[in-house]
Amino acid sequence: MQKSKFTAESPCRADVFLSAQTGLTRSAVKKLADADMVWVNGVSVKAGTLLKVGDEAEILIPDPTPIAARAEDIPLDILYEDEDLAVVNKPQGMTVHAGAGNYEGTLVNALLFRLSSLSGINGELRPGIVHRLDKDTSGLLVVAKNDRAHLALSKQIAEKTARREYVALLEGVVKEDGGKIVTQIGRDKKDRMKQAVLPAGEGRRAETDFCVLERFPRNTLVQFSLKTGRTHQIRVHAKYMGHPVVGDPLYGYKNGRFHLNGQLLHAFRLSFSHPSTGEEMTFEAPMPAYFSDVLDRLRREI
């Protein structure tokens, strides 16, 4: 068992706060709270308890259960590895971890074959996974090889000291050179497969910075920087701007002109402090060929 303590810096639900601090899912935090393994100021509480500024939240995390996902010999682009972590360049089309009806061919299956160890905080189907990318989004992920590194990296993401930067090709011409998008994001009330921008007081706060890199007659190349990590955040915010990501089958146009297998969204840069040494580390992954081929075509058409 591992007991961890965190201080709330703003009002928040206990499960939301502890999920962000530890990397556990909210459902996992709820299970621990239901088992009297979550405390606020020394008192056992439920997952939905509201924290005030300065409250001390504690959580007892059980020792990791045996990893159940099966190792598979799948090609994997590992940019960096040491005893605490690995940085991986995930290809488009690869699911990060197993889910309902999908237990093979995932990044986790490949990691189990390539790496000697993975953190067990997120359970037997998501070992090592600190943050995720959508199946059809390519690019950089940091993977934790032990629980101490996992907690440290999750804390950086929660406190916005880790930096995740993306490049995307959007439909239409974005007029602004840059800006910040701040909304509430939650489950779409009409389509449970989607996330959506919700009214104030609903969903969870989502913040994204953007900067235009290049404009074309019918498209715009944009750099995005995540300040929060909501499901489908960039894709939802791009749609909210009125400029969905090119090739996005869920939030974009149904009949794309580039005949793509998924959205042109790539996590090209990842920065964080090493959990053991404190060294500032930055990694970059080149744009996939199918993405750069589309840009080359657009430049020829100008």
Protein backbone atom coordinates (compact mmCIF):
# COMPACT_ATOMS: atom_id res chain seq x y z
CA MET A 1 0.00 0.00 0.00
CA GLN A 2 1.13 3.55 -0.74
CA LYS A 3 -0.36 6.57 1.03
CA SER A 4 -0.08 9.96 -0.69
CA LYS A 5 -1.13 13.42 0.50
CA PHE A 6 -1.98 16.47 -1.63
CA THR A 7 -3.08 20.02 -0.78
CA ALA A 8 -5.99 21.54 -2.70
CA GLU A 9 -5.16 24.91 -4.28
CA SER A 10 -8.68 25.59 -5.56
CA PRO A 11 -12.20 24.28 -4.86
CA CYS A 12 -12.70 20.88 -6.51
CA ARG A 13 -14.36 17.48 -6.08
CA ALA A 14 -12.16 14.99 -4.25
CA ASP A 15 -12.27 12.41 -7.07
CA VAL A 16 -11.41 14.98 -9.76
CA PHE A 17 -8.55 16.38 -7.68
CA LEU A 18 -7.04 13.02 -6.71
CA SER A 19 -7.43 11.65 -10.24
CA ALA A 20 -5.39 14.58 -11.58
CA GLN A 21 -2.75 14.24 -8.86
CA THR A 22 -2.23 10.48 -9.02
CA GLY A 23 -3.06 9.47 -12.58
CA LEU A 24 -5.80 7.14 -11.34
CA THR A 25 -9.12 7.18 -13.14
CA ARG A 26 -12.03 8.85 -11.32
CA SER A 27 -13.78 5.47 -11.09
CA ALA A 28 -10.68 4.01 -9.42
CA VAL A 29 -10.63 6.90 -6.91
CA LYS A 30 -14.35 6.28 -6.22
CA LYS A 31 -13.71 2.61 -5.48
CA LEU A 32 -10.99 3.56 -3.02
CA ALA A 33 -13.23 6.20 -1.41
CA ASP A 34 -16.05 3.65 -1.09
CA ALA A 35 -13.55 1.38 0.71
CA ASP A 36 -12.68 4.20 3.18
CA MET A 37 -9.26 4.75 1.63
CA VAL A 38 -9.67 8.48 0.88
CA TRP A 39 -9.47 11.14 3.60
CA VAL A 40 -9.80 14.91 3.76
CA ASN A 41 -8.22 16.58 6.77
CA GLY A 42 -8.00 13.16 8.41
CA VAL A 43 -11.66 12.22 7.91
CA SER A 44 -12.81 9.47 5.54
CA VAL A 45 -14.88 10.95 2.70
CA LYS A 46 -16.77 9.96 -0.44
CA ALA A 47 -15.56 10.65 -3.97
CA GLY A 48 -17.92 13.59 -4.53
CA THR A 49 -16.81 15.51 -1.45
CA LEU A 50 -16.00 19.13 -2.29
CA LEU A 51 -12.53 20.30 -1.32
CA LYS A 52 -11.79 23.84 -0.15
CA VAL A 53 -8.54 25.70 -0.67
CA GLY A 54 -5.96 24.33 1.77
CA ASP A 55 -7.71 21.01 2.43
CA GLU A 56 -5.34 18.05 2.83
CA ALA A 57 -6.51 15.11 0.73
CA GLU A 58 -4.99 11.68 1.33
CA ILE A 59 -5.41 8.48 -0.65
CA LEU A 60 -4.21 4.95 0.06
CA ILE A 61 -3.24 3.27 -3.21
CA PRO A 62 -3.10 -0.55 -3.07
CA ASP A 63 -0.08 -2.37 -4.38
CA PRO A 64 -0.41 -2.93 -8.13
CA THR A 65 -2.25 -6.01 -9.25
CA PRO A 66 -0.54 -8.40 -11.67
CA ILE A 67 -0.53 -7.08 -15.21
CA ALA A 68 -3.07 -8.98 -17.30
CA ALA A 69 -2.45 -7.53 -20.76
CA ARG A 70 -0.41 -9.85 -22.97
CA ALA A 71 3.00 -8.86 -24.36
CA GLU A 72 3.10 -8.69 -28.16
CA ASP A 73 6.06 -8.22 -30.49
CA ILE A 74 4.81 -5.05 -32.19
CA PRO A 75 7.20 -2.48 -33.73
CA LEU A 76 7.56 0.52 -31.45
CA ASP A 77 9.43 3.81 -31.87
CA ILE A 78 11.06 4.43 -28.47
CA LEU A 79 12.87 7.78 -28.49
CA TYR A 80 14.26 7.54 -24.96
CA GLU A 81 14.38 5.05 -22.09
CA ASP A 82 15.92 4.84 -18.61
CA GLU A 83 15.07 3.05 -15.36
CA ASP A 84 12.14 5.41 -14.62
CA LEU A 85 10.44 6.15 -17.93
CA ALA A 86 10.26 5.81 -21.68
CA VAL A 87 9.20 8.28 -24.36
CA VAL A 88 7.36 6.72 -27.28
CA ASN A 89 6.29 8.04 -30.68
CA LYS A 90 2.87 6.38 -31.16
CA PRO A 91 1.73 5.81 -34.74
CA GLN A 92 -1.71 6.72 -36.03
CA GLY A 93 -4.12 3.79 -35.76
CA MET A 94 -2.70 2.31 -32.54
CA THR A 95 -4.93 2.30 -29.45
CA VAL A 96 -3.05 3.20 -26.27
CA HIS A 97 -4.54 0.55 -23.99
CA ALA A 98 -7.06 -2.25 -24.02
CA GLY A 99 -10.77 -1.55 -23.76
CA ALA A 100 -14.06 -3.26 -24.38
CA GLY A 101 -13.60 -5.65 -27.29
CA ASN A 102 -10.02 -4.53 -27.98
CA TYR A 103 -7.33 -6.41 -26.05
CA GLU A 104 -4.62 -6.89 -28.67
CA GLY A 105 -2.40 -4.68 -30.81
CA THR A 106 -2.35 -1.79 -28.34
CA LEU A 107 0.55 0.34 -27.20
CA VAL A 108 0.42 -1.45 -23.83
CA ASN A 109 0.82 -4.83 -25.53
CA ALA A 110 3.90 -3.50 -27.34
CA LEU A 111 5.32 -1.90 -24.16
CA LEU A 112 5.01 -5.14 -22.21
CA PHE A 113 7.19 -6.84 -24.83
CA ARG A 114 9.78 -4.02 -25.17
CA LEU A 115 10.21 -2.74 -21.60
CA SER A 116 11.46 -4.55 -18.51
CA SER A 117 8.90 -2.97 -16.16
CA LEU A 118 5.85 -0.70 -16.08
CA SER A 119 4.06 1.10 -13.27
CA GLY A 120 0.96 -0.64 -11.96
CA ILE A 121 -1.01 2.33 -10.65
CA ASN A 122 -3.61 2.24 -13.42
CA GLY A 123 -4.21 -1.49 -13.10
CA GLU A 124 -3.65 -4.57 -15.15
CA LEU A 125 -4.93 -3.25 -18.50
CA ARG A 126 -3.22 0.17 -18.45
CA PRO A 127 0.23 -0.36 -16.90
CA GLY A 128 2.61 2.57 -17.32
CA ILE A 129 0.08 4.86 -18.94
CA VAL A 130 0.39 8.39 -17.53
CA HIS A 131 -1.54 10.20 -20.30
CA ARG A 132 -3.15 9.13 -23.55
CA LEU A 133 -3.54 9.95 -27.21
CA ASP A 134 -6.58 9.09 -29.30
CA LYS A 135 -6.20 6.04 -31.54
CA ASP A 136 -5.86 8.10 -34.71
CA THR A 137 -3.69 10.85 -33.18
CA SER A 138 0.03 10.25 -33.61
CA GLY A 139 2.95 11.43 -31.53
CA LEU A 140 4.68 11.53 -28.17
CA LEU A 141 3.74 9.83 -24.92
CA VAL A 142 5.74 9.42 -21.72
CA VAL A 143 5.38 6.02 -20.05
CA ALA A 144 6.20 5.35 -16.38
CA LYS A 145 8.24 2.27 -15.50
CA ASN A 146 7.56 2.44 -11.75
CA ASP A 147 4.91 3.88 -9.45
CA ARG A 148 7.12 6.65 -8.05
CA ALA A 149 7.82 8.00 -11.54
CA HIS A 150 4.13 7.64 -12.43
CA LEU A 151 3.01 9.79 -9.49
CA ALA A 152 5.65 12.43 -10.21
CA LEU A 153 4.76 12.67 -13.91
CA SER A 154 1.01 12.71 -13.22
CA LYS A 155 1.55 15.57 -10.78
CA GLN A 156 3.40 17.59 -13.44
CA ILE A 157 0.53 17.12 -15.88
CA ALA A 158 -2.02 18.06 -13.22
CA GLU A 159 -0.05 21.15 -12.21
CA LYS A 160 0.57 22.14 -15.86
CA THR A 161 4.35 22.06 -15.54
CA ALA A 162 4.59 19.35 -18.20
CA ARG A 163 4.09 20.78 -21.70
CA ARG A 164 2.32 18.93 -24.52
CA GLU A 165 2.32 20.55 -27.94
CA TYR A 166 0.51 19.43 -31.08
CA VAL A 167 0.27 20.40 -34.72
CA ALA A 168 -2.97 20.02 -36.67
CA LEU A 169 -4.33 20.86 -40.09
CA LEU A 170 -7.74 22.48 -39.77
CA GLU A 171 -10.60 22.95 -42.19
CA GLY A 172 -11.04 26.53 -43.39
CA VAL A 173 -8.94 29.63 -42.79
CA VAL A 174 -8.43 30.70 -39.16
CA LYS A 175 -8.45 34.51 -39.05
CA GLU A 176 -6.77 34.99 -35.66
CA ASP A 177 -2.99 34.51 -35.43
CA GLY A 178 -3.37 32.88 -32.03
CA GLY A 179 -5.31 32.83 -28.82
CA LYS A 180 -6.67 30.81 -25.92
CA ILE A 181 -9.78 28.62 -25.84
CA VAL A 182 -11.34 28.07 -22.42
CA THR A 183 -14.59 26.09 -22.13
CA GLN A 184 -16.28 23.33 -20.17
CA ILE A 185 -16.05 19.91 -21.86
CA GLY A 186 -18.10 16.81 -21.07
CA ARG A 187 -20.03 13.96 -22.64
CA ASP A 188 -22.21 15.02 -25.58
CA LYS A 189 -25.83 14.74 -24.46
CA LYS A 190 -27.00 13.57 -27.90
CA ASP A 191 -24.13 11.25 -28.87
CA ARG A 192 -22.40 9.27 -26.11
CA MET A 193 -19.42 8.59 -28.40
CA LYS A 194 -18.56 12.29 -28.48
CA GLN A 195 -17.40 14.99 -26.11
CA ALA A 196 -18.85 18.49 -26.42
CA VAL A 197 -18.51 22.05 -25.17
CA LEU A 198 -21.06 22.41 -22.36
CA PRO A 199 -22.65 25.38 -20.59
CA ALA A 200 -20.97 26.96 -17.57
CA GLY A 201 -21.31 24.78 -14.50
CA GLU A 202 -21.32 21.53 -16.47
CA GLY A 203 -18.48 19.25 -17.54
CA ARG A 204 -14.85 19.99 -16.71
CA ARG A 205 -12.74 23.05 -17.47
CA ALA A 206 -10.66 22.73 -20.64
CA GLU A 207 -7.97 25.18 -21.73
CA THR A 208 -6.06 25.14 -25.02
CA ASP A 209 -3.64 27.69 -26.51
CA PHE A 210 -3.29 27.93 -30.29
CA CYS A 211 -1.01 29.64 -32.80
CA VAL A 212 -1.37 29.74 -36.59
CA LEU A 213 1.71 28.38 -38.38
CA GLU A 214 0.65 28.52 -42.02
CA ARG A 215 -2.46 29.40 -44.03
CA PHE A 216 -3.70 27.85 -47.27
CA PRO A 217 -6.70 28.79 -49.41
CA ARG A 218 -8.95 26.22 -47.69
CA ASN A 219 -6.97 25.07 -44.64
CA THR A 220 -4.84 26.28 -41.75
CA LEU A 221 -1.86 24.64 -40.06
CA VAL A 222 -2.10 25.32 -36.32
CA GLN A 223 0.00 24.58 -33.26
CA PHE A 224 -1.91 23.68 -30.09
CA SER A 225 -0.67 23.56 -26.50
CA LEU A 226 -2.69 21.68 -23.91
CA LYS A 227 -3.17 23.30 -20.52
CA THR A 228 -5.63 20.60 -19.41
CA GLY A 229 -6.11 17.05 -20.62
CA ARG A 230 -9.74 16.38 -21.37
CA THR A 231 -10.87 13.57 -23.66
CA HIS A 232 -10.71 14.70 -27.33
CA GLN A 233 -9.87 18.22 -26.10
CA ILE A 234 -8.11 19.60 -29.18
CA ARG A 235 -10.59 17.97 -31.55
CA VAL A 236 -13.54 19.42 -29.61
CA HIS A 237 -11.96 22.87 -29.37
CA ALA A 238 -11.11 22.87 -33.08
CA LYS A 239 -14.75 22.15 -33.87
CA TYR A 240 -15.79 24.85 -31.39
CA MET A 241 -13.60 27.31 -33.35
CA GLY A 242 -15.56 26.39 -36.47
CA HIS A 243 -12.48 24.71 -37.96
CA PRO A 244 -12.47 20.96 -37.25
CA VAL A 245 -9.32 18.90 -37.71
CA VAL A 246 -8.91 17.60 -41.26
CA GLY A 247 -9.71 13.88 -41.45
CA ASP A 248 -11.48 13.76 -38.09
CA PRO A 249 -14.21 11.10 -38.49
CA LEU A 250 -16.04 12.11 -35.30
CA TYR A 251 -15.94 15.92 -35.21
CA GLY A 252 -15.00 16.85 -38.77
CA TYR A 253 -16.44 16.68 -42.24
CA LYS A 254 -17.69 13.32 -43.49
CA ASN A 255 -16.39 13.66 -47.03
CA GLY A 256 -12.75 14.70 -46.82
CA ARG A 257 -10.79 15.42 -49.99
CA PHE A 258 -7.52 13.85 -48.83
CA HIS A 259 -8.72 10.22 -48.32
CA LEU A 260 -7.14 9.89 -44.88
CA ASN A 261 -7.31 7.12 -42.27
CA GLY A 262 -7.79 9.55 -39.39
CA GLN A 263 -7.30 13.12 -38.23
CA LEU A 264 -4.20 15.17 -39.09
CA LEU A 265 -3.27 15.76 -35.45
CA HIS A 266 0.26 15.03 -34.22
CA ALA A 267 1.77 15.41 -30.73
CA PHE A 268 5.13 16.72 -31.88
CA ARG A 269 6.72 18.04 -28.65
CA LEU A 270 6.70 16.86 -25.04
CA SER A 271 8.52 18.56 -22.13
CA PHE A 272 8.73 17.58 -18.47
CA SER A 273 11.11 17.35 -15.50
CA HIS A 274 12.70 13.97 -14.95
CA PRO A 275 11.04 12.39 -11.88
CA SER A 276 14.38 11.35 -10.33
CA THR A 277 16.95 13.94 -11.42
CA GLY A 278 14.74 17.00 -11.94
CA GLU A 279 16.40 17.55 -15.33
CA GLU A 280 14.26 19.44 -17.83
CA MET A 281 13.69 17.14 -20.80
CA THR A 282 12.19 17.96 -24.19
CA PHE A 283 11.47 15.53 -27.00
CA GLU A 284 10.24 16.12 -30.55
CA ALA A 285 8.78 13.69 -33.08
CA PRO A 286 8.78 14.46 -36.81
CA MET A 287 5.49 14.82 -38.63
CA PRO A 288 4.31 11.51 -40.15
CA ALA A 289 4.75 11.15 -43.90
CA TYR A 290 1.01 11.10 -44.65
CA PHE A 291 0.68 14.46 -42.84
CA SER A 292 3.64 16.14 -44.56
CA ASP A 293 2.46 14.77 -47.94
CA VAL A 294 -0.85 16.65 -47.52
CA LEU A 295 1.02 19.86 -46.65
CA ASP A 296 3.27 19.45 -49.70
CA ARG A 297 0.18 19.06 -51.87
CA LEU A 298 -1.40 22.21 -50.41
CA ARG A 299 1.78 24.22 -50.96
CA ARG A 300 1.92 23.13 -54.60
CA GLU A 301 -1.68 24.24 -55.10
CA ILE A 302 -1.00 27.84 -54.00
